[in-house]
Amino acid sequence: MTHPIELTIEEPLPGAYVWQLLETDDKGTHPRVLSKAYDAAESYELALSAGQRALKSAIRDRVQAAPG
């Protein structure tokens, strides 16, 4: 069974961008934080790039841990 993972980018302070990965249940509801940035990035693009790397890593970990 797989659960959707969503990458979000927020700007809690002007010029400070933070990514996070949210995992939802099978219906796409009840999101929980799977992973998030330790430090804010200076631009949306840098936060997006870092978040995409984290997402690829999370997917790779799940594929390797899958039975079969």
PDB file of N, CA and C in Angstrom:
ATOM      1  N   MET A   1       0.842  -1.170   0.000  1.00  0.00           N
ATOM      2  CA  MET A   1       0.000   0.000   0.000  1.00  0.00           C
ATOM      3  C   MET A   1       0.894   1.243   0.000  1.00  0.00           C
ATOM      4  N   THR A   2       0.588   2.186  -0.820  1.00  0.00           N
ATOM      5  CA  THR A   2       1.360   3.421  -0.883  1.00  0.00           C
ATOM      6  C   THR A   2       0.537   4.589  -0.366  1.00  0.00           C
ATOM      7  N   HIS A   3       1.223   5.543   0.189  1.00  0.00           N
ATOM      8  CA  HIS A   3       0.588   6.761   0.665  1.00  0.00           C
ATOM      9  C   HIS A   3       1.170   7.925  -0.109  1.00  0.00           C
ATOM     10  N   PRO A   4       0.310   8.832  -0.567  1.00  0.00           N
ATOM     11  CA  PRO A   4       0.807   9.990  -1.311  1.00  0.00           C
ATOM     12  C   PRO A   4       1.736  10.860  -0.465  1.00  0.00           C
ATOM     13  N   ILE A   5       2.762  11.401  -1.114  1.00  0.00           N
ATOM     14  CA  ILE A   5       3.693  12.337  -0.476  1.00  0.00           C
ATOM     15  C   ILE A   5       3.623  13.634  -1.270  1.00  0.00           C
ATOM     16  N   GLU A   6       3.461  14.725  -0.551  1.00  0.00           N
ATOM     17  CA  GLU A   6       3.365  16.044  -1.173  1.00  0.00           C
ATOM     18  C   GLU A   6       4.534  16.901  -0.721  1.00  0.00           C
ATOM     19  N   LEU A   7       5.150  17.601  -1.655  1.00  0.00           N
ATOM     20  CA  LEU A   7       6.214  18.554  -1.358  1.00  0.00           C
ATOM     21  C   LEU A   7       5.595  19.939  -1.309  1.00  0.00           C
ATOM     22  N   THR A   8       5.788  20.644  -0.198  1.00  0.00           N
ATOM     23  CA  THR A   8       5.294  22.015  -0.087  1.00  0.00           C
ATOM     24  C   THR A   8       6.455  22.946   0.227  1.00  0.00           C
ATOM     25  N   ILE A   9       6.314  24.187  -0.220  1.00  0.00           N
ATOM     26  CA  ILE A   9       7.289  25.233   0.062  1.00  0.00           C
ATOM     27  C   ILE A   9       6.519  26.369   0.726  1.00  0.00           C
ATOM     28  N   GLU A  10       7.010  26.808   1.879  1.00  0.00           N
ATOM     29  CA  GLU A  10       6.381  27.927   2.575  1.00  0.00           C
ATOM     30  C   GLU A  10       7.411  29.039   2.773  1.00  0.00           C
ATOM     31  N   GLU A  11       6.909  30.254   2.967  1.00  0.00           N
ATOM     32  CA  GLU A  11       7.764  31.403   3.230  1.00  0.00           C
ATOM     33  C   GLU A  11       7.324  32.005   4.573  1.00  0.00           C
ATOM     34  N   PRO A  12       7.791  31.418   5.700  1.00  0.00           N
ATOM     35  CA  PRO A  12       7.344  31.900   7.004  1.00  0.00           C
ATOM     36  C   PRO A  12       7.800  33.330   7.317  1.00  0.00           C
ATOM     37  N   LEU A  13       8.927  33.726   6.741  1.00  0.00           N
ATOM     38  CA  LEU A  13       9.448  35.091   6.864  1.00  0.00           C
ATOM     39  C   LEU A  13       9.849  35.553   5.466  1.00  0.00           C
ATOM     40  N   PRO A  14       9.761  36.839   5.182  1.00  0.00           N
ATOM     41  CA  PRO A  14      10.150  37.317   3.852  1.00  0.00           C
ATOM     42  C   PRO A  14      11.570  36.870   3.482  1.00  0.00           C
ATOM     43  N   GLY A  15      11.688  36.209   2.337  1.00  0.00           N
ATOM     44  CA  GLY A  15      12.987  35.764   1.846  1.00  0.00           C
ATOM     45  C   GLY A  15      13.527  34.508   2.489  1.00  0.00           C
ATOM     46  N   ALA A  16      12.719  33.827   3.278  1.00  0.00           N
ATOM     47  CA  ALA A  16      13.132  32.574   3.928  1.00  0.00           C
ATOM     48  C   ALA A  16      12.155  31.479   3.509  1.00  0.00           C
ATOM     49  N   TYR A  17      12.621  30.557   2.689  1.00  0.00           N
ATOM     50  CA  TYR A  17      11.763  29.514   2.124  1.00  0.00           C
ATOM     51  C   TYR A  17      12.091  28.166   2.745  1.00  0.00           C
ATOM     52  N   VAL A  18      11.060  27.449   3.147  1.00  0.00           N
ATOM     53  CA  VAL A  18      11.228  26.174   3.839  1.00  0.00           C
ATOM     54  C   VAL A  18      10.380  25.110   3.134  1.00  0.00           C
ATOM     55  N   TRP A  19      11.009  23.976   2.836  1.00  0.00           N
ATOM     56  CA  TRP A  19      10.281  22.862   2.219  1.00  0.00           C
ATOM     57  C   TRP A  19       9.878  21.870   3.306  1.00  0.00           C
ATOM     58  N   GLN A  20       8.829  21.099   2.991  1.00  0.00           N
ATOM     59  CA  GLN A  20       8.465  19.969   3.840  1.00  0.00           C
ATOM     60  C   GLN A  20       7.764  18.920   2.994  1.00  0.00           C
ATOM     61  N   LEU A  21       7.917  17.674   3.408  1.00  0.00           N
ATOM     62  CA  LEU A  21       7.233  16.569   2.767  1.00  0.00           C
ATOM     63  C   LEU A  21       6.096  16.151   3.682  1.00  0.00           C
ATOM     64  N   LEU A  22       4.897  16.094   3.119  1.00  0.00           N
ATOM     65  CA  LEU A  22       3.715  15.678   3.860  1.00  0.00           C
ATOM     66  C   LEU A  22       3.240  14.342   3.324  1.00  0.00           C
ATOM     67  N   GLU A  23       2.972  13.408   4.207  1.00  0.00           N
ATOM     68  CA  GLU A  23       2.439  12.107   3.821  1.00  0.00           C
ATOM     69  C   GLU A  23       0.981  12.044   4.255  1.00  0.00           C
ATOM     70  N   THR A  24       0.138  11.573   3.371  1.00  0.00           N
ATOM     71  CA  THR A  24      -1.283  11.451   3.682  1.00  0.00           C
ATOM     72  C   THR A  24      -1.682   9.980   3.728  1.00  0.00           C
ATOM     73  N   ASP A  25      -2.890   9.729   4.181  1.00  0.00           N
ATOM     74  CA  ASP A  25      -3.390   8.356   4.169  1.00  0.00           C
ATOM     75  C   ASP A  25      -3.811   7.987   2.746  1.00  0.00           C
ATOM     76  N   ASP A  26      -4.361   6.808   2.583  1.00  0.00           N
ATOM     77  CA  ASP A  26      -4.746   6.320   1.255  1.00  0.00           C
ATOM     78  C   ASP A  26      -5.775   7.208   0.564  1.00  0.00           C
ATOM     79  N   LYS A  27      -6.534   7.968   1.324  1.00  0.00           N
ATOM     80  CA  LYS A  27      -7.572   8.839   0.760  1.00  0.00           C
ATOM     81  C   LYS A  27      -7.058  10.251   0.518  1.00  0.00           C
ATOM     82  N   GLY A  28      -5.788  10.492   0.835  1.00  0.00           N
ATOM     83  CA  GLY A  28      -5.221  11.817   0.627  1.00  0.00           C
ATOM     84  C   GLY A  28      -5.558  12.800   1.732  1.00  0.00           C
ATOM     85  N   THR A  29      -5.952  12.294   2.888  1.00  0.00           N
ATOM     86  CA  THR A  29      -6.308  13.162   4.006  1.00  0.00           C
ATOM     87  C   THR A  29      -5.388  12.910   5.191  1.00  0.00           C
ATOM     88  N   HIS A  30      -5.532  13.686   6.222  1.00  0.00           N
ATOM     89  CA  HIS A  30      -4.761  13.571   7.465  1.00  0.00           C
ATOM     90  C   HIS A  30      -3.250  13.644   7.211  1.00  0.00           C
ATOM     91  N   PRO A  31      -2.788  14.762   6.650  1.00  0.00           N
ATOM     92  CA  PRO A  31      -1.347  14.851   6.375  1.00  0.00           C
ATOM     93  C   PRO A  31      -0.518  14.902   7.654  1.00  0.00           C
ATOM     94  N   ARG A  32       0.657  14.276   7.574  1.00  0.00           N
ATOM     95  CA  ARG A  32       1.631  14.357   8.666  1.00  0.00           C
ATOM     96  C   ARG A  32       2.969  14.706   8.045  1.00  0.00           C
ATOM     97  N   VAL A  33       3.792  15.410   8.803  1.00  0.00           N
ATOM     98  CA  VAL A  33       5.108  15.828   8.302  1.00  0.00           C
ATOM     99  C   VAL A  33       6.023  14.609   8.280  1.00  0.00           C
ATOM    100  N   LEU A  34       6.477  14.283   7.096  1.00  0.00           N
ATOM    101  CA  LEU A  34       7.397  13.166   6.904  1.00  0.00           C
ATOM    102  C   LEU A  34       8.839  13.636   7.065  1.00  0.00           C
ATOM    103  N   SER A  35       9.121  14.825   6.545  1.00  0.00           N
ATOM    104  CA  SER A  35      10.461  15.393   6.593  1.00  0.00           C
ATOM    105  C   SER A  35      10.345  16.889   6.335  1.00  0.00           C
ATOM    106  N   LYS A  36      11.316  17.658   6.836  1.00  0.00           N
ATOM    107  CA  LYS A  36      11.300  19.101   6.575  1.00  0.00           C
ATOM    108  C   LYS A  36      12.713  19.656   6.603  1.00  0.00           C
ATOM    109  N   ALA A  37      12.862  20.848   6.053  1.00  0.00           N
ATOM    110  CA  ALA A  37      14.163  21.511   5.998  1.00  0.00           C
ATOM    111  C   ALA A  37      14.643  21.863   7.393  1.00  0.00           C
ATOM    112  N   TYR A  38      15.944  21.747   7.600  1.00  0.00           N
ATOM    113  CA  TYR A  38      16.545  22.177   8.861  1.00  0.00           C
ATOM    114  C   TYR A  38      16.716  23.688   8.887  1.00  0.00           C
ATOM    115  N   ASP A  39      17.081  24.253   7.740  1.00  0.00           N
ATOM    116  CA  ASP A  39      17.301  25.690   7.613  1.00  0.00           C
ATOM    117  C   ASP A  39      16.525  26.230   6.425  1.00  0.00           C
ATOM    118  N   ALA A  40      16.185  27.491   6.485  1.00  0.00           N
ATOM    119  CA  ALA A  40      15.484  28.137   5.378  1.00  0.00           C
ATOM    120  C   ALA A  40      16.453  28.401   4.228  1.00  0.00           C
ATOM    121  N   ALA A  41      15.912  28.344   3.022  1.00  0.00           N
ATOM    122  CA  ALA A  41      16.687  28.672   1.822  1.00  0.00           C
ATOM    123  C   ALA A  41      16.433  30.136   1.463  1.00  0.00           C
ATOM    124  N   GLU A  42      17.367  30.718   0.726  1.00  0.00           N
ATOM    125  CA  GLU A  42      17.266  32.133   0.356  1.00  0.00           C
ATOM    126  C   GLU A  42      16.304  32.392  -0.791  1.00  0.00           C
ATOM    127  N   SER A  43      15.934  31.337  -1.532  1.00  0.00           N
ATOM    128  CA  SER A  43      15.011  31.525  -2.652  1.00  0.00           C
ATOM    129  C   SER A  43      14.068  30.325  -2.749  1.00  0.00           C
ATOM    130  N   TYR A  44      12.958  30.566  -3.418  1.00  0.00           N
ATOM    131  CA  TYR A  44      11.989  29.499  -3.646  1.00  0.00           C
ATOM    132  C   TYR A  44      12.641  28.363  -4.424  1.00  0.00           C
ATOM    133  N   GLU A  45      13.429  28.717  -5.429  1.00  0.00           N
ATOM    134  CA  GLU A  45      14.055  27.716  -6.285  1.00  0.00           C
ATOM    135  C   GLU A  45      15.010  26.817  -5.511  1.00  0.00           C
ATOM    136  N   LEU A  46      15.785  27.392  -4.596  1.00  0.00           N
ATOM    137  CA  LEU A  46      16.709  26.586  -3.784  1.00  0.00           C
ATOM    138  C   LEU A  46      15.935  25.654  -2.850  1.00  0.00           C
ATOM    139  N   ALA A  47      14.859  26.156  -2.264  1.00  0.00           N
ATOM    140  CA  ALA A  47      14.029  25.319  -1.390  1.00  0.00           C
ATOM    141  C   ALA A  47      13.378  24.202  -2.196  1.00  0.00           C
ATOM    142  N   LEU A  48      12.902  24.517  -3.378  1.00  0.00           N
ATOM    143  CA  LEU A  48      12.279  23.511  -4.237  1.00  0.00           C
ATOM    144  C   LEU A  48      13.281  22.428  -4.621  1.00  0.00           C
ATOM    145  N   SER A  49      14.473  22.812  -4.984  1.00  0.00           N
ATOM    146  CA  SER A  49      15.504  21.854  -5.364  1.00  0.00           C
ATOM    147  C   SER A  49      15.846  20.928  -4.198  1.00  0.00           C
ATOM    148  N   ALA A  50      16.024  21.492  -3.013  1.00  0.00           N
ATOM    149  CA  ALA A  50      16.336  20.684  -1.833  1.00  0.00           C
ATOM    150  C   ALA A  50      15.165  19.759  -1.497  1.00  0.00           C
ATOM    151  N   GLY A  51      13.959  20.259  -1.610  1.00  0.00           N
ATOM    152  CA  GLY A  51      12.776  19.445  -1.338  1.00  0.00           C
ATOM    153  C   GLY A  51      12.628  18.306  -2.338  1.00  0.00           C
ATOM    154  N   GLN A  52      12.941  18.566  -3.594  1.00  0.00           N
ATOM    155  CA  GLN A  52      12.880  17.516  -4.609  1.00  0.00           C
ATOM    156  C   GLN A  52      13.904  16.423  -4.334  1.00  0.00           C
ATOM    157  N   ARG A  53      15.098  16.800  -3.887  1.00  0.00           N
ATOM    158  CA  ARG A  53      16.104  15.794  -3.526  1.00  0.00           C
ATOM    159  C   ARG A  53      15.615  14.938  -2.360  1.00  0.00           C
ATOM    160  N   ALA A  54      14.995  15.572  -1.366  1.00  0.00           N
ATOM    161  CA  ALA A  54      14.460  14.830  -0.223  1.00  0.00           C
ATOM    162  C   ALA A  54      13.333  13.903  -0.658  1.00  0.00           C
ATOM    163  N   LEU A  55      12.492  14.358  -1.584  1.00  0.00           N
ATOM    164  CA  LEU A  55      11.396  13.538  -2.082  1.00  0.00           C
ATOM    165  C   LEU A  55      11.933  12.316  -2.829  1.00  0.00           C
ATOM    166  N   LYS A  56      12.923  12.521  -3.688  1.00  0.00           N
ATOM    167  CA  LYS A  56      13.519  11.393  -4.413  1.00  0.00           C
ATOM    168  C   LYS A  56      14.144  10.395  -3.447  1.00  0.00           C
ATOM    169  N   SER A  57      14.783  10.889  -2.419  1.00  0.00           N
ATOM    170  CA  SER A  57      15.383  10.018  -1.417  1.00  0.00           C
ATOM    171  C   SER A  57      14.321   9.216  -0.674  1.00  0.00           C
ATOM    172  N   ALA A  58      13.223   9.863  -0.309  1.00  0.00           N
ATOM    173  CA  ALA A  58      12.133   9.168   0.386  1.00  0.00           C
ATOM    174  C   ALA A  58      11.527   8.085  -0.497  1.00  0.00           C
ATOM    175  N   ILE A  59      11.373   8.389  -1.776  1.00  0.00           N
ATOM    176  CA  ILE A  59      10.828   7.393  -2.711  1.00  0.00           C
ATOM    177  C   ILE A  59      11.796   6.219  -2.859  1.00  0.00           C
ATOM    178  N   ARG A  60      13.078   6.533  -2.999  1.00  0.00           N
ATOM    179  CA  ARG A  60      14.094   5.483  -3.138  1.00  0.00           C
ATOM    180  C   ARG A  60      14.104   4.582  -1.902  1.00  0.00           C
ATOM    181  N   ASP A  61      14.015   5.174  -0.710  1.00  0.00           N
ATOM    182  CA  ASP A  61      13.981   4.380   0.524  1.00  0.00           C
ATOM    183  C   ASP A  61      12.779   3.456   0.560  1.00  0.00           C
ATOM    184  N   ARG A  62      11.644   3.940   0.102  1.00  0.00           N
ATOM    185  CA  ARG A  62      10.425   3.107   0.123  1.00  0.00           C
ATOM    186  C   ARG A  62      10.503   1.970  -0.885  1.00  0.00           C
ATOM    187  N   VAL A  63      11.075   2.245  -2.037  1.00  0.00           N
ATOM    188  CA  VAL A  63      11.202   1.202  -3.052  1.00  0.00           C
ATOM    189  C   VAL A  63      12.130   0.103  -2.549  1.00  0.00           C
ATOM    190  N   GLN A  64      13.221   0.480  -1.917  1.00  0.00           N
ATOM    191  CA  GLN A  64      14.179  -0.493  -1.396  1.00  0.00           C
ATOM    192  C   GLN A  64      13.602  -1.291  -0.250  1.00  0.00           C
ATOM    193  N   ALA A  65      12.712  -0.693   0.541  1.00  0.00           N
ATOM    194  CA  ALA A  65      12.123  -1.365   1.693  1.00  0.00           C
ATOM    195  C   ALA A  65      10.900  -2.206   1.329  1.00  0.00           C
ATOM    196  N   ALA A  66      10.396  -2.039   0.102  1.00  0.00           N
ATOM    197  CA  ALA A  66       9.192  -2.773  -0.311  1.00  0.00           C
ATOM    198  C   ALA A  66       9.482  -4.258  -0.423  1.00  0.00           C
ATOM    199  N   PRO A  67       8.538  -5.085   0.046  1.00  0.00           N
ATOM    200  CA  PRO A  67       8.730  -6.535  -0.076  1.00  0.00           C
ATOM    201  C   PRO A  67       8.684  -6.973  -1.533  1.00  0.00           C
ATOM    202  N   GLY A  68       9.437  -7.991  -1.828  1.00  0.00           N
ATOM    203  CA  GLY A  68       9.371  -8.582  -3.164  1.00  0.00           C
ATOM    204  C   GLY A  68      10.456  -8.166  -4.005  1.00  0.00           C
TER     205      GLY A  68
END
